[in-house]
Amino acid sequence: MFAVLKTGGKQYKVQAGDILRIEKLAADAGETIQFDEILMLGGDAPVVGAPLVDGAAVKAEVIDQIKGEKLIHFVKRRRKHSSKRTKGHRQKLTLIKITEILTSGATKAAPKAAAKAAPKAAPAAAGADDLTQLTGVGPAAAKKLVEAGLTSFAQIAALSDDDIAGIDAVKVKPEWVAQAKDLAKG
């Protein structure tokens, strides 16, 4: 029994027990992951998906996060320019071992792709407001306000002059307090 799965923009023909090097996934060593994009199941009765096989999945165990071999990209411009440049990198990969192939009844739990960039900052708590709506408060100042314990407009609106003087993390401006009172009302 084999399966053809798709991950990281590539297709792999796998059997139980195979060890693969695939594009980096956001998983730690020892975790079990499941691939839901199965293009084909082979064996005694082959099944070809259109484009995917419904209910099929491949389970695998993450062995390690590794780096691939060094790739060198050499560019040489001939004739009048006579310049050359060498660049190289090592691709980040995930080493996995295929544990089983599920032909039907698999639950949808796609593996998480590796994060390329940090996600945009969200409010810290459910009751927190977006403090960057205040004039002059950017992401860095909003982070400092949250670290100081100020997460909502109501908290900022309730600050007295003595409270403002006691905050060392960021200088709270009086216009922020006035704007927070308006925004807290709705």
N, C-alpha and C. Protein backbone atom coordinates (compact mmCIF):
# COMPACT_ATOMS: atom_id res chain seq x y z
N MET A 1 0.84 -1.17 0.00
CA MET A 1 0.00 0.00 0.00
C MET A 1 0.89 1.24 0.00
N PHE A 2 0.63 2.17 -0.93
CA PHE A 2 1.36 3.43 -0.96
C PHE A 2 0.37 4.57 -1.16
N ALA A 3 0.84 5.77 -0.92
CA ALA A 3 0.03 6.96 -1.12
C ALA A 3 0.90 8.04 -1.74
N VAL A 4 0.25 8.93 -2.49
CA VAL A 4 0.94 10.10 -3.02
C VAL A 4 0.36 11.30 -2.28
N LEU A 5 1.22 11.98 -1.51
CA LEU A 5 0.74 13.13 -0.72
C LEU A 5 1.39 14.40 -1.23
N LYS A 6 0.74 15.52 -0.92
CA LYS A 6 1.24 16.83 -1.34
C LYS A 6 1.49 17.67 -0.11
N THR A 7 2.70 18.21 0.00
CA THR A 7 3.04 19.12 1.10
C THR A 7 4.19 20.01 0.65
N GLY A 8 4.15 21.26 1.03
CA GLY A 8 5.22 22.19 0.69
C GLY A 8 5.36 22.43 -0.80
N GLY A 9 4.26 22.27 -1.56
CA GLY A 9 4.31 22.48 -2.99
C GLY A 9 4.94 21.32 -3.76
N LYS A 10 5.19 20.21 -3.09
CA LYS A 10 5.80 19.04 -3.74
C LYS A 10 4.95 17.81 -3.48
N GLN A 11 5.12 16.80 -4.30
CA GLN A 11 4.39 15.54 -4.14
C GLN A 11 5.38 14.44 -3.81
N TYR A 12 4.96 13.54 -2.90
CA TYR A 12 5.82 12.45 -2.46
C TYR A 12 5.05 11.15 -2.51
N LYS A 13 5.68 10.09 -3.02
CA LYS A 13 5.12 8.74 -2.98
C LYS A 13 5.67 8.10 -1.72
N VAL A 14 4.78 7.70 -0.79
CA VAL A 14 5.22 7.20 0.51
C VAL A 14 4.58 5.87 0.84
N GLN A 15 5.26 5.10 1.69
CA GLN A 15 4.75 3.86 2.27
C GLN A 15 4.99 3.94 3.77
N ALA A 16 4.34 3.08 4.52
CA ALA A 16 4.55 3.04 5.96
C ALA A 16 6.01 2.69 6.24
N GLY A 17 6.65 3.46 7.12
CA GLY A 17 8.05 3.22 7.46
C GLY A 17 9.04 4.10 6.72
N ASP A 18 8.59 4.83 5.68
CA ASP A 18 9.50 5.70 4.93
C ASP A 18 9.92 6.90 5.77
N ILE A 19 11.14 7.37 5.51
CA ILE A 19 11.65 8.58 6.16
C ILE A 19 11.84 9.62 5.07
N LEU A 20 11.25 10.81 5.27
CA LEU A 20 11.28 11.87 4.26
C LEU A 20 11.89 13.14 4.83
N ARG A 21 12.48 13.93 3.92
CA ARG A 21 12.91 15.30 4.22
C ARG A 21 11.97 16.21 3.45
N ILE A 22 11.13 16.97 4.18
CA ILE A 22 10.15 17.82 3.52
C ILE A 22 10.36 19.27 3.96
N GLU A 23 9.65 20.19 3.30
CA GLU A 23 9.72 21.60 3.68
C GLU A 23 9.37 21.74 5.15
N LYS A 24 9.96 22.72 5.80
CA LYS A 24 9.80 22.89 7.25
C LYS A 24 8.34 23.04 7.66
N LEU A 25 7.96 22.28 8.69
CA LEU A 25 6.64 22.37 9.29
C LEU A 25 6.80 22.88 10.72
N ALA A 26 5.76 23.53 11.23
CA ALA A 26 5.79 24.04 12.60
C ALA A 26 5.40 22.92 13.55
N ALA A 27 6.32 22.01 13.81
CA ALA A 27 6.09 20.87 14.70
C ALA A 27 7.41 20.52 15.38
N ASP A 28 7.31 20.07 16.61
CA ASP A 28 8.51 19.69 17.37
C ASP A 28 8.80 18.21 17.19
N ALA A 29 10.03 17.82 17.50
CA ALA A 29 10.43 16.42 17.40
C ALA A 29 9.56 15.57 18.32
N GLY A 30 9.08 14.44 17.81
CA GLY A 30 8.25 13.53 18.59
C GLY A 30 6.76 13.73 18.37
N GLU A 31 6.35 14.85 17.77
CA GLU A 31 4.93 15.09 17.52
C GLU A 31 4.44 14.21 16.38
N THR A 32 3.14 13.88 16.42
CA THR A 32 2.51 13.15 15.33
C THR A 32 1.71 14.15 14.51
N ILE A 33 1.92 14.15 13.19
CA ILE A 33 1.20 15.05 12.31
C ILE A 33 0.42 14.23 11.29
N GLN A 34 -0.54 14.87 10.65
CA GLN A 34 -1.39 14.19 9.69
C GLN A 34 -1.46 15.03 8.42
N PHE A 35 -1.23 14.40 7.28
CA PHE A 35 -1.33 15.04 5.98
C PHE A 35 -2.67 14.66 5.36
N ASP A 36 -3.48 15.68 5.00
CA ASP A 36 -4.81 15.43 4.45
C ASP A 36 -4.86 15.54 2.93
N GLU A 37 -3.86 16.13 2.31
CA GLU A 37 -3.86 16.30 0.86
C GLU A 37 -3.28 15.05 0.21
N ILE A 38 -4.13 14.05 0.04
CA ILE A 38 -3.71 12.78 -0.56
C ILE A 38 -4.23 12.76 -2.00
N LEU A 39 -3.32 12.64 -2.95
CA LEU A 39 -3.69 12.68 -4.37
C LEU A 39 -4.03 11.30 -4.92
N MET A 40 -3.44 10.25 -4.33
CA MET A 40 -3.65 8.90 -4.85
C MET A 40 -3.34 7.87 -3.78
N LEU A 41 -4.11 6.79 -3.78
CA LEU A 41 -3.82 5.62 -2.95
C LEU A 41 -3.55 4.47 -3.89
N GLY A 42 -2.45 3.76 -3.67
CA GLY A 42 -2.11 2.65 -4.54
C GLY A 42 -2.09 1.35 -3.78
N GLY A 43 -2.07 0.26 -4.52
CA GLY A 43 -2.06 -1.07 -3.91
C GLY A 43 -2.90 -2.00 -4.76
N ASP A 44 -3.69 -2.89 -4.11
CA ASP A 44 -4.53 -3.84 -4.84
C ASP A 44 -5.64 -3.12 -5.62
N ALA A 45 -6.26 -2.11 -5.03
CA ALA A 45 -7.32 -1.35 -5.69
C ALA A 45 -6.94 0.13 -5.67
N PRO A 46 -6.20 0.61 -6.69
CA PRO A 46 -5.75 2.01 -6.68
C PRO A 46 -6.93 2.98 -6.74
N VAL A 47 -6.79 4.10 -6.03
CA VAL A 47 -7.80 5.15 -6.01
C VAL A 47 -7.11 6.45 -6.37
N VAL A 48 -7.60 7.12 -7.42
CA VAL A 48 -7.04 8.39 -7.84
C VAL A 48 -8.03 9.48 -7.47
N GLY A 49 -7.57 10.51 -6.80
CA GLY A 49 -8.44 11.60 -6.37
C GLY A 49 -8.74 12.57 -7.48
N ALA A 50 -9.80 13.35 -7.27
CA ALA A 50 -10.16 14.35 -8.26
C ALA A 50 -10.42 15.68 -7.57
N PRO A 51 -9.50 16.46 -7.14
CA PRO A 51 -8.06 16.24 -7.14
C PRO A 51 -7.55 15.48 -5.91
N LEU A 52 -8.35 15.42 -4.82
CA LEU A 52 -7.91 14.73 -3.61
C LEU A 52 -8.80 13.53 -3.33
N VAL A 53 -8.26 12.55 -2.62
CA VAL A 53 -9.02 11.37 -2.20
C VAL A 53 -9.75 11.74 -0.90
N ASP A 54 -11.09 11.64 -0.91
CA ASP A 54 -11.88 12.01 0.27
C ASP A 54 -11.65 11.03 1.41
N GLY A 55 -11.44 11.57 2.61
CA GLY A 55 -11.32 10.76 3.82
C GLY A 55 -9.97 10.10 4.00
N ALA A 56 -9.06 10.24 3.06
CA ALA A 56 -7.75 9.60 3.17
C ALA A 56 -6.77 10.55 3.86
N ALA A 57 -5.81 9.97 4.56
CA ALA A 57 -4.79 10.75 5.24
C ALA A 57 -3.55 9.90 5.45
N VAL A 58 -2.45 10.56 5.72
CA VAL A 58 -1.19 9.89 6.05
C VAL A 58 -0.72 10.44 7.38
N LYS A 59 -0.45 9.57 8.34
CA LYS A 59 0.07 9.99 9.64
C LYS A 59 1.58 9.78 9.66
N ALA A 60 2.26 10.75 10.27
CA ALA A 60 3.72 10.69 10.35
C ALA A 60 4.18 11.23 11.68
N GLU A 61 5.39 10.83 12.06
CA GLU A 61 6.00 11.31 13.29
C GLU A 61 7.19 12.17 12.93
N VAL A 62 7.29 13.35 13.55
CA VAL A 62 8.41 14.26 13.30
C VAL A 62 9.63 13.73 14.04
N ILE A 63 10.69 13.51 13.29
CA ILE A 63 11.93 13.02 13.88
C ILE A 63 12.80 14.19 14.34
N ASP A 64 12.98 15.19 13.44
CA ASP A 64 13.86 16.30 13.78
C ASP A 64 13.65 17.46 12.81
N GLN A 65 14.09 18.64 13.21
CA GLN A 65 14.15 19.81 12.33
C GLN A 65 15.61 19.94 11.91
N ILE A 66 15.88 19.92 10.60
CA ILE A 66 17.26 19.91 10.11
C ILE A 66 17.46 20.99 9.06
N LYS A 67 18.73 21.16 8.66
CA LYS A 67 19.07 22.02 7.53
C LYS A 67 19.58 21.13 6.40
N GLY A 68 19.22 21.49 5.17
CA GLY A 68 19.67 20.73 4.01
C GLY A 68 21.11 21.08 3.67
N GLU A 69 21.58 20.50 2.56
CA GLU A 69 22.93 20.78 2.10
C GLU A 69 23.02 22.21 1.59
N LYS A 70 24.21 22.76 1.59
CA LYS A 70 24.41 24.13 1.14
C LYS A 70 24.25 24.18 -0.38
N LEU A 71 23.42 25.11 -0.84
CA LEU A 71 23.22 25.33 -2.27
C LEU A 71 23.93 26.62 -2.65
N ILE A 72 24.71 26.57 -3.71
CA ILE A 72 25.46 27.74 -4.16
C ILE A 72 24.90 28.19 -5.50
N HIS A 73 24.63 29.49 -5.59
CA HIS A 73 24.11 30.09 -6.81
C HIS A 73 25.19 31.04 -7.32
N PHE A 74 25.79 30.71 -8.45
CA PHE A 74 26.87 31.50 -9.01
C PHE A 74 26.39 32.19 -10.27
N VAL A 75 26.58 33.51 -10.35
CA VAL A 75 26.17 34.29 -11.52
C VAL A 75 27.40 34.94 -12.10
N LYS A 76 27.62 34.72 -13.39
CA LYS A 76 28.74 35.39 -14.07
C LYS A 76 28.19 36.07 -15.31
N ARG A 77 28.42 37.38 -15.40
CA ARG A 77 28.01 38.14 -16.57
C ARG A 77 29.24 38.35 -17.44
N ARG A 78 29.15 37.92 -18.68
CA ARG A 78 30.32 37.98 -19.56
C ARG A 78 30.30 39.25 -20.41
N ARG A 79 31.22 39.33 -21.28
CA ARG A 79 31.39 40.40 -22.24
C ARG A 79 31.71 41.73 -21.56
N LYS A 80 30.97 42.75 -21.80
CA LYS A 80 31.35 44.09 -21.34
C LYS A 80 31.31 44.26 -19.82
N HIS A 81 30.43 43.55 -19.15
CA HIS A 81 30.24 43.82 -17.73
C HIS A 81 31.25 43.10 -16.84
N SER A 82 31.60 41.92 -17.19
CA SER A 82 32.59 41.10 -16.48
C SER A 82 32.44 41.18 -14.96
N SER A 83 31.26 40.83 -14.48
CA SER A 83 31.05 40.79 -13.03
C SER A 83 30.57 39.41 -12.65
N LYS A 84 30.78 39.05 -11.41
CA LYS A 84 30.30 37.76 -10.93
C LYS A 84 29.89 37.89 -9.46
N ARG A 85 29.00 36.98 -9.06
CA ARG A 85 28.48 37.03 -7.69
C ARG A 85 28.17 35.60 -7.25
N THR A 86 28.44 35.31 -6.00
CA THR A 86 28.14 34.01 -5.43
C THR A 86 27.22 34.19 -4.23
N LYS A 87 26.12 33.45 -4.24
CA LYS A 87 25.19 33.45 -3.11
C LYS A 87 24.94 32.00 -2.73
N GLY A 88 24.55 31.76 -1.50
CA GLY A 88 24.24 30.41 -1.08
C GLY A 88 23.33 30.41 0.12
N HIS A 89 22.70 29.26 0.38
CA HIS A 89 21.85 29.11 1.56
C HIS A 89 21.69 27.63 1.88
N ARG A 90 21.18 27.37 3.08
CA ARG A 90 20.84 26.01 3.50
C ARG A 90 19.36 26.01 3.85
N GLN A 91 18.59 25.22 3.14
CA GLN A 91 17.14 25.16 3.33
C GLN A 91 16.80 24.49 4.65
N LYS A 92 15.79 25.02 5.36
CA LYS A 92 15.33 24.40 6.59
C LYS A 92 14.32 23.31 6.23
N LEU A 93 14.52 22.12 6.79
CA LEU A 93 13.70 20.96 6.46
C LEU A 93 13.19 20.28 7.73
N THR A 94 12.16 19.46 7.56
CA THR A 94 11.64 18.64 8.64
C THR A 94 11.82 17.19 8.25
N LEU A 95 12.41 16.40 9.13
CA LEU A 95 12.62 14.98 8.90
C LEU A 95 11.46 14.22 9.54
N ILE A 96 10.70 13.46 8.73
CA ILE A 96 9.54 12.74 9.26
C ILE A 96 9.61 11.26 8.91
N LYS A 97 8.90 10.45 9.71
CA LYS A 97 8.78 9.01 9.44
C LYS A 97 7.30 8.71 9.29
N ILE A 98 6.92 8.10 8.16
CA ILE A 98 5.53 7.76 7.89
C ILE A 98 5.15 6.58 8.77
N THR A 99 4.08 6.74 9.58
CA THR A 99 3.67 5.67 10.49
C THR A 99 2.53 4.85 9.92
N GLU A 100 1.52 5.51 9.31
CA GLU A 100 0.42 4.73 8.73
C GLU A 100 -0.29 5.53 7.65
N ILE A 101 -0.97 4.78 6.78
CA ILE A 101 -1.77 5.36 5.70
C ILE A 101 -3.22 5.02 5.97
N LEU A 102 -4.06 6.04 6.15
CA LEU A 102 -5.48 5.85 6.42
C LEU A 102 -6.24 6.01 5.11
N THR A 103 -6.97 4.96 4.71
CA THR A 103 -7.70 5.02 3.44
C THR A 103 -9.04 5.72 3.58
N SER A 104 -9.64 5.69 4.78
CA SER A 104 -10.91 6.38 4.97
C SER A 104 -11.09 6.70 6.45
N GLY A 105 -12.01 7.61 6.72
CA GLY A 105 -12.34 7.94 8.11
C GLY A 105 -11.36 8.86 8.79
N ALA A 106 -10.51 9.54 8.04
CA ALA A 106 -9.53 10.44 8.65
C ALA A 106 -10.20 11.76 9.00
N THR A 107 -9.81 12.34 10.14
CA THR A 107 -10.32 13.65 10.52
C THR A 107 -9.44 14.72 9.90
N LYS A 108 -10.02 15.87 9.64
CA LYS A 108 -9.26 16.96 9.02
C LYS A 108 -8.40 17.65 10.07
N ALA A 109 -7.09 17.49 9.95
CA ALA A 109 -6.14 18.14 10.85
C ALA A 109 -4.87 18.39 10.07
N ALA A 110 -4.87 19.40 9.21
CA ALA A 110 -3.72 19.68 8.34
C ALA A 110 -2.53 20.15 9.15
N PRO A 111 -1.31 19.80 8.73
CA PRO A 111 -0.13 20.27 9.44
C PRO A 111 0.04 21.77 9.25
N LYS A 112 0.65 22.40 10.24
CA LYS A 112 0.87 23.84 10.17
C LYS A 112 2.16 24.10 9.42
N ALA A 113 2.10 24.98 8.46
CA ALA A 113 3.30 25.36 7.75
C ALA A 113 4.15 26.22 8.66
N ALA A 114 5.43 26.24 8.42
CA ALA A 114 6.32 27.04 9.25
C ALA A 114 6.01 28.51 9.07
N ALA A 115 6.05 29.24 10.16
CA ALA A 115 5.73 30.66 10.11
C ALA A 115 6.88 31.41 9.46
N LYS A 116 6.57 32.17 8.42
CA LYS A 116 7.58 32.95 7.72
C LYS A 116 7.84 34.26 8.45
N ALA A 117 6.78 34.91 8.94
CA ALA A 117 6.91 36.17 9.66
C ALA A 117 5.99 36.12 10.87
N ALA A 118 6.30 36.94 11.83
CA ALA A 118 5.47 36.97 13.03
C ALA A 118 4.10 37.54 12.69
N PRO A 119 3.04 36.97 13.24
CA PRO A 119 1.71 37.51 12.97
C PRO A 119 1.56 38.89 13.58
N LYS A 120 0.62 39.66 13.05
CA LYS A 120 0.38 41.00 13.58
C LYS A 120 -0.09 40.89 15.01
N ALA A 121 0.31 41.86 15.82
CA ALA A 121 -0.03 41.83 17.24
C ALA A 121 -1.53 41.98 17.43
N ALA A 122 -2.08 41.11 18.24
CA ALA A 122 -3.50 41.16 18.56
C ALA A 122 -3.63 41.64 20.00
N PRO A 123 -4.80 42.12 20.38
CA PRO A 123 -4.97 42.51 21.77
C PRO A 123 -4.66 41.35 22.71
N ALA A 124 -4.07 41.66 23.87
CA ALA A 124 -3.59 40.62 24.77
C ALA A 124 -4.72 39.81 25.39
N ALA A 125 -5.81 40.43 25.73
CA ALA A 125 -6.91 39.72 26.38
C ALA A 125 -8.21 39.98 25.64
N ALA A 126 -9.24 39.22 25.99
CA ALA A 126 -10.51 39.34 25.30
C ALA A 126 -11.12 40.72 25.53
N GLY A 127 -10.94 41.32 26.70
CA GLY A 127 -11.51 42.61 27.01
C GLY A 127 -10.60 43.77 26.64
N ALA A 128 -9.49 43.50 25.98
CA ALA A 128 -8.52 44.54 25.65
C ALA A 128 -8.98 45.33 24.43
N ASP A 129 -8.63 46.61 24.41
CA ASP A 129 -8.94 47.48 23.28
C ASP A 129 -7.69 47.66 22.43
N ASP A 130 -7.89 48.14 21.20
CA ASP A 130 -6.77 48.43 20.31
C ASP A 130 -6.24 49.81 20.66
N LEU A 131 -5.18 49.86 21.44
CA LEU A 131 -4.66 51.12 21.95
C LEU A 131 -4.00 51.96 20.87
N THR A 132 -3.72 51.39 19.70
CA THR A 132 -3.11 52.16 18.62
C THR A 132 -4.11 53.13 17.98
N GLN A 133 -5.38 53.09 18.39
CA GLN A 133 -6.35 54.06 17.90
C GLN A 133 -6.13 55.44 18.50
N LEU A 134 -5.41 55.50 19.61
CA LEU A 134 -5.08 56.78 20.22
C LEU A 134 -4.03 57.47 19.36
N THR A 135 -4.16 58.78 19.18
CA THR A 135 -3.23 59.54 18.36
C THR A 135 -1.85 59.54 19.02
N GLY A 136 -0.85 59.13 18.27
CA GLY A 136 0.51 59.10 18.78
C GLY A 136 0.91 57.80 19.44
N VAL A 137 0.01 56.82 19.50
CA VAL A 137 0.33 55.52 20.09
C VAL A 137 0.53 54.52 18.95
N GLY A 138 1.77 54.10 18.77
CA GLY A 138 2.08 53.09 17.77
C GLY A 138 2.16 51.72 18.42
N PRO A 139 2.58 50.71 17.66
CA PRO A 139 2.67 49.36 18.21
C PRO A 139 3.62 49.25 19.40
N ALA A 140 4.74 49.97 19.35
CA ALA A 140 5.71 49.88 20.45
C ALA A 140 5.14 50.51 21.72
N ALA A 141 4.51 51.68 21.59
CA ALA A 141 3.93 52.34 22.77
C ALA A 141 2.76 51.52 23.31
N ALA A 142 1.96 50.92 22.42
CA ALA A 142 0.84 50.09 22.86
C ALA A 142 1.36 48.89 23.66
N LYS A 143 2.46 48.31 23.21
CA LYS A 143 3.05 47.17 23.92
C LYS A 143 3.52 47.59 25.31
N LYS A 144 4.12 48.78 25.41
CA LYS A 144 4.59 49.27 26.71
C LYS A 144 3.41 49.56 27.64
N LEU A 145 2.31 50.08 27.07
CA LEU A 145 1.13 50.32 27.90
C LEU A 145 0.55 49.02 28.43
N VAL A 146 0.52 47.98 27.58
CA VAL A 146 0.02 46.67 28.02
C VAL A 146 0.92 46.10 29.10
N GLU A 147 2.24 46.25 28.95
CA GLU A 147 3.18 45.77 29.96
C GLU A 147 2.99 46.51 31.29
N ALA A 148 2.55 47.77 31.20
CA ALA A 148 2.30 48.55 32.41
C ALA A 148 0.94 48.22 33.02
N GLY A 149 0.16 47.35 32.36
CA GLY A 149 -1.12 46.92 32.90
C GLY A 149 -2.31 47.68 32.36
N LEU A 150 -2.10 48.52 31.36
CA LEU A 150 -3.19 49.30 30.76
C LEU A 150 -3.60 48.66 29.44
N THR A 151 -4.73 47.93 29.45
CA THR A 151 -5.15 47.21 28.25
C THR A 151 -6.43 47.74 27.63
N SER A 152 -7.14 48.65 28.31
CA SER A 152 -8.40 49.14 27.76
C SER A 152 -8.46 50.66 27.85
N PHE A 153 -9.37 51.22 27.04
CA PHE A 153 -9.56 52.67 27.05
C PHE A 153 -10.08 53.13 28.41
N ALA A 154 -10.92 52.33 29.06
CA ALA A 154 -11.48 52.70 30.36
C ALA A 154 -10.38 52.85 31.41
N GLN A 155 -9.38 51.99 31.36
CA GLN A 155 -8.28 52.09 32.32
C GLN A 155 -7.47 53.37 32.11
N ILE A 156 -7.24 53.71 30.84
CA ILE A 156 -6.47 54.92 30.55
C ILE A 156 -7.30 56.15 30.92
N ALA A 157 -8.61 56.12 30.65
CA ALA A 157 -9.47 57.25 30.97
C ALA A 157 -9.55 57.49 32.47
N ALA A 158 -9.38 56.45 33.28
CA ALA A 158 -9.48 56.58 34.73
C ALA A 158 -8.18 57.02 35.40
N LEU A 159 -7.12 57.25 34.61
CA LEU A 159 -5.83 57.63 35.19
C LEU A 159 -5.88 59.06 35.73
N SER A 160 -5.31 59.25 36.90
CA SER A 160 -5.16 60.60 37.46
C SER A 160 -3.74 61.08 37.17
N ASP A 161 -3.47 62.34 37.52
CA ASP A 161 -2.14 62.89 37.27
C ASP A 161 -1.07 62.14 38.07
N ASP A 162 -1.41 61.71 39.29
CA ASP A 162 -0.46 60.96 40.10
C ASP A 162 -0.18 59.58 39.48
N ASP A 163 -1.25 58.95 38.92
CA ASP A 163 -1.06 57.64 38.26
C ASP A 163 -0.17 57.78 37.04
N ILE A 164 -0.37 58.85 36.28
CA ILE A 164 0.43 59.08 35.07
C ILE A 164 1.89 59.28 35.45
N ALA A 165 2.16 60.00 36.52
CA ALA A 165 3.54 60.24 36.97
C ALA A 165 4.19 58.94 37.45
N GLY A 166 3.38 57.98 37.92
CA GLY A 166 3.92 56.72 38.44
C GLY A 166 4.25 55.70 37.37
N ILE A 167 3.85 55.95 36.13
CA ILE A 167 4.13 54.99 35.03
C ILE A 167 5.48 55.34 34.43
N ASP A 168 6.43 54.42 34.55
CA ASP A 168 7.78 54.65 34.04
C ASP A 168 7.97 54.08 32.64
N ALA A 169 7.18 53.10 32.24
CA ALA A 169 7.40 52.40 30.98
C ALA A 169 7.21 53.31 29.78
N VAL A 170 6.19 54.17 29.81
CA VAL A 170 5.92 55.06 28.69
C VAL A 170 5.33 56.35 29.25
N LYS A 171 5.61 57.45 28.57
CA LYS A 171 5.07 58.73 29.01
C LYS A 171 3.65 58.87 28.48
N VAL A 172 2.68 58.86 29.37
CA VAL A 172 1.26 58.97 28.99
C VAL A 172 0.94 60.44 28.83
N LYS A 173 0.42 60.79 27.66
CA LYS A 173 0.09 62.19 27.37
C LYS A 173 -1.34 62.48 27.81
N PRO A 174 -1.62 63.71 28.25
CA PRO A 174 -2.99 64.06 28.66
C PRO A 174 -4.01 63.90 27.54
N GLU A 175 -3.60 64.13 26.28
CA GLU A 175 -4.57 63.95 25.19
C GLU A 175 -4.97 62.49 25.00
N TRP A 176 -4.09 61.55 25.39
CA TRP A 176 -4.46 60.13 25.33
C TRP A 176 -5.60 59.84 26.30
N VAL A 177 -5.53 60.46 27.47
CA VAL A 177 -6.58 60.26 28.48
C VAL A 177 -7.92 60.78 27.96
N ALA A 178 -7.88 61.98 27.32
CA ALA A 178 -9.11 62.57 26.78
C ALA A 178 -9.66 61.70 25.65
N GLN A 179 -8.81 61.24 24.76
CA GLN A 179 -9.26 60.38 23.66
C GLN A 179 -9.77 59.06 24.17
N ALA A 180 -9.15 58.52 25.21
CA ALA A 180 -9.58 57.24 25.78
C ALA A 180 -10.96 57.37 26.40
N LYS A 181 -11.29 58.54 27.00
CA LYS A 181 -12.63 58.76 27.54
C LYS A 181 -13.67 58.71 26.43
N ASP A 182 -13.36 59.36 25.29
CA ASP A 182 -14.30 59.34 24.15
C ASP A 182 -14.46 57.94 23.58
N LEU A 183 -13.34 57.21 23.42
CA LEU A 183 -13.39 55.87 22.84
C LEU A 183 -14.03 54.86 23.79
N ALA A 184 -13.90 55.09 25.10
CA ALA A 184 -14.51 54.17 26.07
C ALA A 184 -16.03 54.27 26.06
N LYS A 185 -16.54 55.48 25.75
CA LYS A 185 -17.98 55.67 25.66
C LYS A 185 -18.57 54.94 24.46
N GLY A 186 -17.78 54.80 23.41
CA GLY A 186 -18.26 54.07 22.23
C GLY A 186 -18.29 54.95 21.11
